[in-house]
Amino acid sequence: MQTQRNGVIEAVEEAQGTVAETAQAVKDAAADVGAKAQEIAAQAGRQVSAAAQTVYGTSNDVLGIVEGAARENLWAALLVAGAVGYGLACLVKNSR
């Protein structure tokens, strides 16, 4: 009877050790995944920031080109603006 009890105690202790090792392995893996996810998020943030800066710079260039063209061709710009306004008015009127 004592031998069986000792065998059960040993099996329980072994199971506890296995569970503790498995828990530590899972904890280590989760820490690695968390660190990688944080690194990927930081890299994505840097890329989005760079893309936003590029778009902002490009939009300033385009705005400068359009503004320059409008200043050089004032009457043409007014005609285009009037045509766009008329087209929008027609669209709004027809959508009601």
PDB file of N, CA and C in Angstrom:
ATOM      1  N   MET A   1       0.817  -1.184   0.000  1.00  0.00           N
ATOM      2  CA  MET A   1       0.000   0.000   0.000  1.00  0.00           C
ATOM      3  C   MET A   1       0.865   1.253   0.000  1.00  0.00           C
ATOM      4  N   GLN A   2       1.900   1.238   0.799  1.00  0.00           N
ATOM      5  CA  GLN A   2       2.819   2.375   0.872  1.00  0.00           C
ATOM      6  C   GLN A   2       3.515   2.581  -0.469  1.00  0.00           C
ATOM      7  N   THR A   3       3.818   1.497  -1.172  1.00  0.00           N
ATOM      8  CA  THR A   3       4.487   1.583  -2.464  1.00  0.00           C
ATOM      9  C   THR A   3       3.573   2.253  -3.496  1.00  0.00           C
ATOM     10  N   GLN A   4       2.305   1.890  -3.480  1.00  0.00           N
ATOM     11  CA  GLN A   4       1.360   2.515  -4.394  1.00  0.00           C
ATOM     12  C   GLN A   4       1.218   4.002  -4.085  1.00  0.00           C
ATOM     13  N   ARG A   5       1.159   4.324  -2.815  1.00  0.00           N
ATOM     14  CA  ARG A   5       1.034   5.727  -2.409  1.00  0.00           C
ATOM     15  C   ARG A   5       2.259   6.512  -2.864  1.00  0.00           C
ATOM     16  N   ASN A   6       3.428   5.949  -2.699  1.00  0.00           N
ATOM     17  CA  ASN A   6       4.656   6.609  -3.138  1.00  0.00           C
ATOM     18  C   ASN A   6       4.665   6.775  -4.659  1.00  0.00           C
ATOM     19  N   GLY A   7       4.164   5.779  -5.368  1.00  0.00           N
ATOM     20  CA  GLY A   7       4.094   5.862  -6.827  1.00  0.00           C
ATOM     21  C   GLY A   7       3.155   6.975  -7.283  1.00  0.00           C
ATOM     22  N   VAL A   8       2.027   7.114  -6.596  1.00  0.00           N
ATOM     23  CA  VAL A   8       1.074   8.170  -6.928  1.00  0.00           C
ATOM     24  C   VAL A   8       1.688   9.532  -6.631  1.00  0.00           C
ATOM     25  N   ILE A   9       2.365   9.639  -5.494  1.00  0.00           N
ATOM     26  CA  ILE A   9       3.000  10.908  -5.123  1.00  0.00           C
ATOM     27  C   ILE A   9       4.066  11.278  -6.152  1.00  0.00           C
ATOM     28  N   GLU A  10       4.842  10.324  -6.569  1.00  0.00           N
ATOM     29  CA  GLU A  10       5.878  10.577  -7.577  1.00  0.00           C
ATOM     30  C   GLU A  10       5.247  11.005  -8.913  1.00  0.00           C
ATOM     31  N   ALA A  11       4.155  10.351  -9.293  1.00  0.00           N
ATOM     32  CA  ALA A  11       3.480  10.699 -10.546  1.00  0.00           C
ATOM     33  C   ALA A  11       2.911  12.119 -10.471  1.00  0.00           C
ATOM     34  N   VAL A  12       2.358  12.484  -9.327  1.00  0.00           N
ATOM     35  CA  VAL A  12       1.813  13.830  -9.151  1.00  0.00           C
ATOM     36  C   VAL A  12       2.941  14.857  -9.211  1.00  0.00           C
ATOM     37  N   GLU A  13       4.049  14.582  -8.554  1.00  0.00           N
ATOM     38  CA  GLU A  13       5.184  15.510  -8.573  1.00  0.00           C
ATOM     39  C   GLU A  13       5.742  15.662  -9.982  1.00  0.00           C
ATOM     40  N   GLU A  14       5.811  14.558 -10.703  1.00  0.00           N
ATOM     41  CA  GLU A  14       6.297  14.600 -12.082  1.00  0.00           C
ATOM     42  C   GLU A  14       5.336  15.417 -12.960  1.00  0.00           C
ATOM     43  N   ALA A  15       4.030  15.223 -12.764  1.00  0.00           N
ATOM     44  CA  ALA A  15       3.034  15.969 -13.525  1.00  0.00           C
ATOM     45  C   ALA A  15       3.127  17.464 -13.201  1.00  0.00           C
ATOM     46  N   GLN A  16       3.346  17.786 -11.923  1.00  0.00           N
ATOM     47  CA  GLN A  16       3.485  19.190 -11.548  1.00  0.00           C
ATOM     48  C   GLN A  16       4.704  19.818 -12.221  1.00  0.00           C
ATOM     49  N   GLY A  17       5.802  19.075 -12.265  1.00  0.00           N
ATOM     50  CA  GLY A  17       6.998  19.573 -12.935  1.00  0.00           C
ATOM     51  C   GLY A  17       6.767  19.789 -14.420  1.00  0.00           C
ATOM     52  N   THR A  18       6.064  18.848 -15.051  1.00  0.00           N
ATOM     53  CA  THR A  18       5.768  18.964 -16.475  1.00  0.00           C
ATOM     54  C   THR A  18       4.864  20.160 -16.736  1.00  0.00           C
ATOM     55  N   VAL A  19       3.865  20.345 -15.899  1.00  0.00           N
ATOM     56  CA  VAL A  19       2.955  21.486 -16.056  1.00  0.00           C
ATOM     57  C   VAL A  19       3.725  22.798 -15.872  1.00  0.00           C
ATOM     58  N   ALA A  20       4.610  22.858 -14.897  1.00  0.00           N
ATOM     59  CA  ALA A  20       5.395  24.075 -14.660  1.00  0.00           C
ATOM     60  C   ALA A  20       6.313  24.364 -15.850  1.00  0.00           C
ATOM     61  N   GLU A  21       6.946  23.339 -16.408  1.00  0.00           N
ATOM     62  CA  GLU A  21       7.812  23.529 -17.579  1.00  0.00           C
ATOM     63  C   GLU A  21       7.002  24.005 -18.783  1.00  0.00           C
ATOM     64  N   THR A  22       5.829  23.385 -18.974  1.00  0.00           N
ATOM     65  CA  THR A  22       4.972  23.777 -20.096  1.00  0.00           C
ATOM     66  C   THR A  22       4.489  25.217 -19.940  1.00  0.00           C
ATOM     67  N   ALA A  23       4.119  25.586 -18.725  1.00  0.00           N
ATOM     68  CA  ALA A  23       3.666  26.957 -18.474  1.00  0.00           C
ATOM     69  C   ALA A  23       4.792  27.949 -18.755  1.00  0.00           C
ATOM     70  N   GLN A  24       5.997  27.615 -18.360  1.00  0.00           N
ATOM     71  CA  GLN A  24       7.134  28.510 -18.612  1.00  0.00           C
ATOM     72  C   GLN A  24       7.418  28.614 -20.110  1.00  0.00           C
ATOM     73  N   ALA A  25       7.313  27.494 -20.821  1.00  0.00           N
ATOM     74  CA  ALA A  25       7.536  27.515 -22.265  1.00  0.00           C
ATOM     75  C   ALA A  25       6.489  28.381 -22.965  1.00  0.00           C
ATOM     76  N   VAL A  26       5.237  28.275 -22.534  1.00  0.00           N
ATOM     77  CA  VAL A  26       4.170  29.097 -23.114  1.00  0.00           C
ATOM     78  C   VAL A  26       4.407  30.571 -22.801  1.00  0.00           C
ATOM     79  N   LYS A  27       4.819  30.848 -21.577  1.00  0.00           N
ATOM     80  CA  LYS A  27       5.096  32.231 -21.177  1.00  0.00           C
ATOM     81  C   LYS A  27       6.238  32.818 -22.006  1.00  0.00           C
ATOM     82  N   ASP A  28       7.288  32.053 -22.223  1.00  0.00           N
ATOM     83  CA  ASP A  28       8.418  32.517 -23.036  1.00  0.00           C
ATOM     84  C   ASP A  28       7.993  32.752 -24.488  1.00  0.00           C
ATOM     85  N   ALA A  29       7.191  31.830 -25.023  1.00  0.00           N
ATOM     86  CA  ALA A  29       6.722  31.979 -26.403  1.00  0.00           C
ATOM     87  C   ALA A  29       5.840  33.216 -26.542  1.00  0.00           C
ATOM     88  N   ALA A  30       4.986  33.461 -25.562  1.00  0.00           N
ATOM     89  CA  ALA A  30       4.115  34.637 -25.611  1.00  0.00           C
ATOM     90  C   ALA A  30       4.943  35.923 -25.545  1.00  0.00           C
ATOM     91  N   ALA A  31       5.990  35.913 -24.747  1.00  0.00           N
ATOM     92  CA  ALA A  31       6.856  37.090 -24.662  1.00  0.00           C
ATOM     93  C   ALA A  31       7.548  37.335 -26.001  1.00  0.00           C
ATOM     94  N   ASP A  32       7.996  36.262 -26.656  1.00  0.00           N
ATOM     95  CA  ASP A  32       8.632  36.404 -27.970  1.00  0.00           C
ATOM     96  C   ASP A  32       7.652  36.947 -29.005  1.00  0.00           C
ATOM     97  N   VAL A  33       6.428  36.420 -29.006  1.00  0.00           N
ATOM     98  CA  VAL A  33       5.410  36.872 -29.951  1.00  0.00           C
ATOM     99  C   VAL A  33       5.069  38.337 -29.677  1.00  0.00           C
ATOM    100  N   GLY A  34       4.949  38.709 -28.419  1.00  0.00           N
ATOM    101  CA  GLY A  34       4.655  40.092 -28.065  1.00  0.00           C
ATOM    102  C   GLY A  34       5.747  41.035 -28.528  1.00  0.00           C
ATOM    103  N   ALA A  35       6.997  40.644 -28.345  1.00  0.00           N
ATOM    104  CA  ALA A  35       8.118  41.483 -28.778  1.00  0.00           C
ATOM    105  C   ALA A  35       8.133  41.628 -30.298  1.00  0.00           C
ATOM    106  N   LYS A  36       7.876  40.532 -31.009  1.00  0.00           N
ATOM    107  CA  LYS A  36       7.845  40.594 -32.474  1.00  0.00           C
ATOM    108  C   LYS A  36       6.683  41.462 -32.956  1.00  0.00           C
ATOM    109  N   ALA A  37       5.518  41.327 -32.316  1.00  0.00           N
ATOM    110  CA  ALA A  37       4.362  42.134 -32.703  1.00  0.00           C
ATOM    111  C   ALA A  37       4.638  43.616 -32.459  1.00  0.00           C
ATOM    112  N   GLN A  38       5.297  43.924 -31.362  1.00  0.00           N
ATOM    113  CA  GLN A  38       5.632  45.314 -31.064  1.00  0.00           C
ATOM    114  C   GLN A  38       6.615  45.860 -32.098  1.00  0.00           C
ATOM    115  N   GLU A  39       7.578  45.048 -32.478  1.00  0.00           N
ATOM    116  CA  GLU A  39       8.549  45.462 -33.490  1.00  0.00           C
ATOM    117  C   GLU A  39       7.870  45.699 -34.843  1.00  0.00           C
ATOM    118  N   ILE A  40       6.961  44.813 -35.224  1.00  0.00           N
ATOM    119  CA  ILE A  40       6.244  44.950 -36.495  1.00  0.00           C
ATOM    120  C   ILE A  40       5.363  46.194 -36.463  1.00  0.00           C
ATOM    121  N   ALA A  41       4.691  46.434 -35.336  1.00  0.00           N
ATOM    122  CA  ALA A  41       3.844  47.625 -35.233  1.00  0.00           C
ATOM    123  C   ALA A  41       4.673  48.904 -35.325  1.00  0.00           C
ATOM    124  N   ALA A  42       5.832  48.910 -34.701  1.00  0.00           N
ATOM    125  CA  ALA A  42       6.699  50.095 -34.780  1.00  0.00           C
ATOM    126  C   ALA A  42       7.178  50.323 -36.208  1.00  0.00           C
ATOM    127  N   GLN A  43       7.541  49.246 -36.880  1.00  0.00           N
ATOM    128  CA  GLN A  43       7.991  49.363 -38.270  1.00  0.00           C
ATOM    129  C   GLN A  43       6.851  49.861 -39.161  1.00  0.00           C
ATOM    130  N   ALA A  44       5.640  49.348 -38.957  1.00  0.00           N
ATOM    131  CA  ALA A  44       4.487  49.804 -39.742  1.00  0.00           C
ATOM    132  C   ALA A  44       4.217  51.288 -39.470  1.00  0.00           C
ATOM    133  N   GLY A  45       4.365  51.694 -38.228  1.00  0.00           N
ATOM    134  CA  GLY A  45       4.173  53.102 -37.895  1.00  0.00           C
ATOM    135  C   GLY A  45       5.175  53.999 -38.603  1.00  0.00           C
ATOM    136  N   ARG A  46       6.431  53.548 -38.657  1.00  0.00           N
ATOM    137  CA  ARG A  46       7.457  54.331 -39.360  1.00  0.00           C
ATOM    138  C   ARG A  46       7.142  54.420 -40.855  1.00  0.00           C
ATOM    139  N   GLN A  47       6.677  53.317 -41.441  1.00  0.00           N
ATOM    140  CA  GLN A  47       6.357  53.314 -42.867  1.00  0.00           C
ATOM    141  C   GLN A  47       5.159  54.211 -43.169  1.00  0.00           C
ATOM    142  N   VAL A  48       4.150  54.187 -42.310  1.00  0.00           N
ATOM    143  CA  VAL A  48       2.979  55.038 -42.513  1.00  0.00           C
ATOM    144  C   VAL A  48       3.376  56.502 -42.383  1.00  0.00           C
ATOM    145  N   SER A  49       4.228  56.801 -41.427  1.00  0.00           N
ATOM    146  CA  SER A  49       4.691  58.176 -41.252  1.00  0.00           C
ATOM    147  C   SER A  49       5.460  58.648 -42.484  1.00  0.00           C
ATOM    148  N   ALA A  50       6.315  57.809 -43.004  1.00  0.00           N
ATOM    149  CA  ALA A  50       7.076  58.171 -44.207  1.00  0.00           C
ATOM    150  C   ALA A  50       6.143  58.360 -45.400  1.00  0.00           C
ATOM    151  N   ALA A  51       5.148  57.492 -45.533  1.00  0.00           N
ATOM    152  CA  ALA A  51       4.197  57.622 -46.630  1.00  0.00           C
ATOM    153  C   ALA A  51       3.387  58.914 -46.493  1.00  0.00           C
ATOM    154  N   ALA A  52       2.992  59.239 -45.274  1.00  0.00           N
ATOM    155  CA  ALA A  52       2.235  60.471 -45.062  1.00  0.00           C
ATOM    156  C   ALA A  52       3.080  61.690 -45.411  1.00  0.00           C
ATOM    157  N   GLN A  53       4.347  61.665 -45.043  1.00  0.00           N
ATOM    158  CA  GLN A  53       5.231  62.779 -45.388  1.00  0.00           C
ATOM    159  C   GLN A  53       5.375  62.912 -46.903  1.00  0.00           C
ATOM    160  N   THR A  54       5.484  61.784 -47.592  1.00  0.00           N
ATOM    161  CA  THR A  54       5.597  61.808 -49.053  1.00  0.00           C
ATOM    162  C   THR A  54       4.333  62.376 -49.687  1.00  0.00           C
ATOM    163  N   VAL A  55       3.181  61.917 -49.216  1.00  0.00           N
ATOM    164  CA  VAL A  55       1.909  62.406 -49.756  1.00  0.00           C
ATOM    165  C   VAL A  55       1.763  63.899 -49.472  1.00  0.00           C
ATOM    166  N   TYR A  56       2.130  64.312 -48.276  1.00  0.00           N
ATOM    167  CA  TYR A  56       2.028  65.721 -47.914  1.00  0.00           C
ATOM    168  C   TYR A  56       2.918  66.570 -48.816  1.00  0.00           C
ATOM    169  N   GLY A  57       4.143  66.113 -49.033  1.00  0.00           N
ATOM    170  CA  GLY A  57       5.053  66.841 -49.910  1.00  0.00           C
ATOM    171  C   GLY A  57       4.557  66.883 -51.338  1.00  0.00           C
ATOM    172  N   THR A  58       4.028  65.764 -51.817  1.00  0.00           N
ATOM    173  CA  THR A  58       3.507  65.691 -53.184  1.00  0.00           C
ATOM    174  C   THR A  58       2.282  66.590 -53.334  1.00  0.00           C
ATOM    175  N   SER A  59       1.416  66.591 -52.328  1.00  0.00           N
ATOM    176  CA  SER A  59       0.220  67.433 -52.419  1.00  0.00           C
ATOM    177  C   SER A  59       0.598  68.903 -52.450  1.00  0.00           C
ATOM    178  N   ASN A  60       1.628  69.282 -51.723  1.00  0.00           N
ATOM    179  CA  ASN A  60       2.095  70.671 -51.790  1.00  0.00           C
ATOM    180  C   ASN A  60       2.612  71.001 -53.184  1.00  0.00           C
ATOM    181  N   ASP A  61       3.328  70.068 -53.787  1.00  0.00           N
ATOM    182  CA  ASP A  61       3.826  70.289 -55.156  1.00  0.00           C
ATOM    183  C   ASP A  61       2.674  70.446 -56.143  1.00  0.00           C
ATOM    184  N   VAL A  62       1.684  69.553 -56.035  1.00  0.00           N
ATOM    185  CA  VAL A  62       0.531  69.603 -56.937  1.00  0.00           C
ATOM    186  C   VAL A  62      -0.237  70.906 -56.725  1.00  0.00           C
ATOM    187  N   LEU A  63      -0.423  71.286 -55.470  1.00  0.00           N
ATOM    188  CA  LEU A  63      -1.120  72.535 -55.181  1.00  0.00           C
ATOM    189  C   LEU A  63      -0.374  73.718 -55.791  1.00  0.00           C
ATOM    190  N   GLY A  64       0.929  73.710 -55.690  1.00  0.00           N
ATOM    191  CA  GLY A  64       1.723  74.778 -56.289  1.00  0.00           C
ATOM    192  C   GLY A  64       1.572  74.832 -57.794  1.00  0.00           C
ATOM    193  N   ILE A  65       1.547  73.668 -58.434  1.00  0.00           N
ATOM    194  CA  ILE A  65       1.391  73.611 -59.893  1.00  0.00           C
ATOM    195  C   ILE A  65       0.020  74.127 -60.309  1.00  0.00           C
ATOM    196  N   VAL A  66      -1.026  73.671 -59.611  1.00  0.00           N
ATOM    197  CA  VAL A  66      -2.388  74.103 -59.952  1.00  0.00           C
ATOM    198  C   VAL A  66      -2.544  75.598 -59.697  1.00  0.00           C
ATOM    199  N   GLU A  67      -2.030  76.057 -58.576  1.00  0.00           N
ATOM    200  CA  GLU A  67      -2.128  77.481 -58.256  1.00  0.00           C
ATOM    201  C   GLU A  67      -1.393  78.332 -59.295  1.00  0.00           C
ATOM    202  N   GLY A  68      -0.221  77.877 -59.691  1.00  0.00           N
ATOM    203  CA  GLY A  68       0.531  78.599 -60.721  1.00  0.00           C
ATOM    204  C   GLY A  68      -0.207  78.640 -62.042  1.00  0.00           C
ATOM    205  N   ALA A  69      -0.787  77.509 -62.433  1.00  0.00           N
ATOM    206  CA  ALA A  69      -1.535  77.458 -63.689  1.00  0.00           C
ATOM    207  C   ALA A  69      -2.763  78.351 -63.627  1.00  0.00           C
ATOM    208  N   ALA A  70      -3.424  78.388 -62.469  1.00  0.00           N
ATOM    209  CA  ALA A  70      -4.606  79.232 -62.323  1.00  0.00           C
ATOM    210  C   ALA A  70      -4.233  80.710 -62.382  1.00  0.00           C
ATOM    211  N   ARG A  71      -3.105  81.059 -61.803  1.00  0.00           N
ATOM    212  CA  ARG A  71      -2.662  82.461 -61.842  1.00  0.00           C
ATOM    213  C   ARG A  71      -2.284  82.883 -63.268  1.00  0.00           C
ATOM    214  N   GLU A  72      -1.682  81.967 -64.012  1.00  0.00           N
ATOM    215  CA  GLU A  72      -1.269  82.285 -65.378  1.00  0.00           C
ATOM    216  C   GLU A  72      -2.460  82.364 -66.328  1.00  0.00           C
ATOM    217  N   ASN A  73      -3.456  81.513 -66.096  1.00  0.00           N
ATOM    218  CA  ASN A  73      -4.628  81.438 -66.978  1.00  0.00           C
ATOM    219  C   ASN A  73      -5.882  81.692 -66.152  1.00  0.00           C
ATOM    220  N   LEU A  74      -6.053  82.906 -65.715  1.00  0.00           N
ATOM    221  CA  LEU A  74      -7.142  83.244 -64.809  1.00  0.00           C
ATOM    222  C   LEU A  74      -8.513  82.973 -65.422  1.00  0.00           C
ATOM    223  N   TRP A  75      -8.726  83.389 -66.671  1.00  0.00           N
ATOM    224  CA  TRP A  75     -10.027  83.201 -67.302  1.00  0.00           C
ATOM    225  C   TRP A  75     -10.339  81.726 -67.530  1.00  0.00           C
ATOM    226  N   ALA A  76      -9.358  80.968 -67.906  1.00  0.00           N
ATOM    227  CA  ALA A  76      -9.578  79.524 -68.096  1.00  0.00           C
ATOM    228  C   ALA A  76      -9.916  78.865 -66.764  1.00  0.00           C
ATOM    229  N   ALA A  77      -9.239  79.290 -65.711  1.00  0.00           N
ATOM    230  CA  ALA A  77      -9.517  78.729 -64.388  1.00  0.00           C
ATOM    231  C   ALA A  77     -10.930  79.065 -63.950  1.00  0.00           C
ATOM    232  N   LEU A  78     -11.375  80.299 -64.209  1.00  0.00           N
ATOM    233  CA  LEU A  78     -12.745  80.676 -63.853  1.00  0.00           C
ATOM    234  C   LEU A  78     -13.765  79.875 -64.646  1.00  0.00           C
ATOM    235  N   LEU A  79     -13.498  79.639 -65.930  1.00  0.00           N
ATOM    236  CA  LEU A  79     -14.421  78.848 -66.748  1.00  0.00           C
ATOM    237  C   LEU A  79     -14.498  77.398 -66.252  1.00  0.00           C
ATOM    238  N   VAL A  80     -13.354  76.833 -65.909  1.00  0.00           N
ATOM    239  CA  VAL A  80     -13.333  75.449 -65.393  1.00  0.00           C
ATOM    240  C   VAL A  80     -14.087  75.385 -64.071  1.00  0.00           C
ATOM    241  N   ALA A  81     -13.850  76.361 -63.187  1.00  0.00           N
ATOM    242  CA  ALA A  81     -14.547  76.376 -61.895  1.00  0.00           C
ATOM    243  C   ALA A  81     -16.047  76.518 -62.096  1.00  0.00           C
ATOM    244  N   GLY A  82     -16.453  77.359 -63.041  1.00  0.00           N
ATOM    245  CA  GLY A  82     -17.876  77.506 -63.321  1.00  0.00           C
ATOM    246  C   GLY A  82     -18.490  76.228 -63.874  1.00  0.00           C
ATOM    247  N   ALA A  83     -17.768  75.555 -64.754  1.00  0.00           N
ATOM    248  CA  ALA A  83     -18.269  74.297 -65.327  1.00  0.00           C
ATOM    249  C   ALA A  83     -18.396  73.225 -64.250  1.00  0.00           C
ATOM    250  N   VAL A  84     -17.423  73.151 -63.371  1.00  0.00           N
ATOM    251  CA  VAL A  84     -17.484  72.165 -62.282  1.00  0.00           C
ATOM    252  C   VAL A  84     -18.655  72.487 -61.360  1.00  0.00           C
ATOM    253  N   GLY A  85     -18.838  73.774 -61.036  1.00  0.00           N
ATOM    254  CA  GLY A  85     -19.962  74.174 -60.190  1.00  0.00           C
ATOM    255  C   GLY A  85     -21.302  73.858 -60.835  1.00  0.00           C
ATOM    256  N   TYR A  86     -21.433  74.125 -62.119  1.00  0.00           N
ATOM    257  CA  TYR A  86     -22.664  73.824 -62.839  1.00  0.00           C
ATOM    258  C   TYR A  86     -22.936  72.318 -62.839  1.00  0.00           C
ATOM    259  N   GLY A  87     -21.872  71.536 -63.077  1.00  0.00           N
ATOM    260  CA  GLY A  87     -22.034  70.081 -63.075  1.00  0.00           C
ATOM    261  C   GLY A  87     -22.463  69.566 -61.715  1.00  0.00           C
ATOM    262  N   LEU A  88     -21.883  70.086 -60.661  1.00  0.00           N
ATOM    263  CA  LEU A  88     -22.294  69.673 -59.304  1.00  0.00           C
ATOM    264  C   LEU A  88     -23.727  70.085 -59.019  1.00  0.00           C
ATOM    265  N   ALA A  89     -24.120  71.278 -59.456  1.00  0.00           N
ATOM    266  CA  ALA A  89     -25.503  71.721 -59.249  1.00  0.00           C
ATOM    267  C   ALA A  89     -26.473  70.801 -59.963  1.00  0.00           C
ATOM    268  N   CYS A  90     -26.145  70.388 -61.178  1.00  0.00           N
ATOM    269  CA  CYS A  90     -27.008  69.457 -61.922  1.00  0.00           C
ATOM    270  C   CYS A  90     -27.116  68.120 -61.200  1.00  0.00           C
ATOM    271  N   LEU A  91     -26.002  67.630 -60.699  1.00  0.00           N
ATOM    272  CA  LEU A  91     -26.016  66.351 -59.972  1.00  0.00           C
ATOM    273  C   LEU A  91     -26.869  66.443 -58.709  1.00  0.00           C
ATOM    274  N   VAL A  92     -26.734  67.529 -57.971  1.00  0.00           N
ATOM    275  CA  VAL A  92     -27.510  67.689 -56.742  1.00  0.00           C
ATOM    276  C   VAL A  92     -28.993  67.824 -57.075  1.00  0.00           C
ATOM    277  N   LYS A  93     -29.313  68.575 -58.101  1.00  0.00           N
ATOM    278  CA  LYS A  93     -30.710  68.760 -58.485  1.00  0.00           C
ATOM    279  C   LYS A  93     -31.348  67.445 -58.932  1.00  0.00           C
ATOM    280  N   ASN A  94     -30.601  66.640 -59.689  1.00  0.00           N
ATOM    281  CA  ASN A  94     -31.138  65.371 -60.192  1.00  0.00           C
ATOM    282  C   ASN A  94     -31.218  64.306 -59.120  1.00  0.00           C
ATOM    283  N   SER A  95     -30.465  64.429 -58.049  1.00  0.00           N
ATOM    284  CA  SER A  95     -30.478  63.399 -57.016  1.00  0.00           C
ATOM    285  C   SER A  95     -31.678  63.530 -56.077  1.00  0.00           C
ATOM    286  N   ARG A  96     -32.377  64.662 -56.133  1.00  0.00           N
ATOM    287  CA  ARG A  96     -33.549  64.863 -55.254  1.00  0.00           C
ATOM    288  C   ARG A  96     -34.749  64.239 -55.788  1.00  0.00           C
TER     289      ARG A  96
END
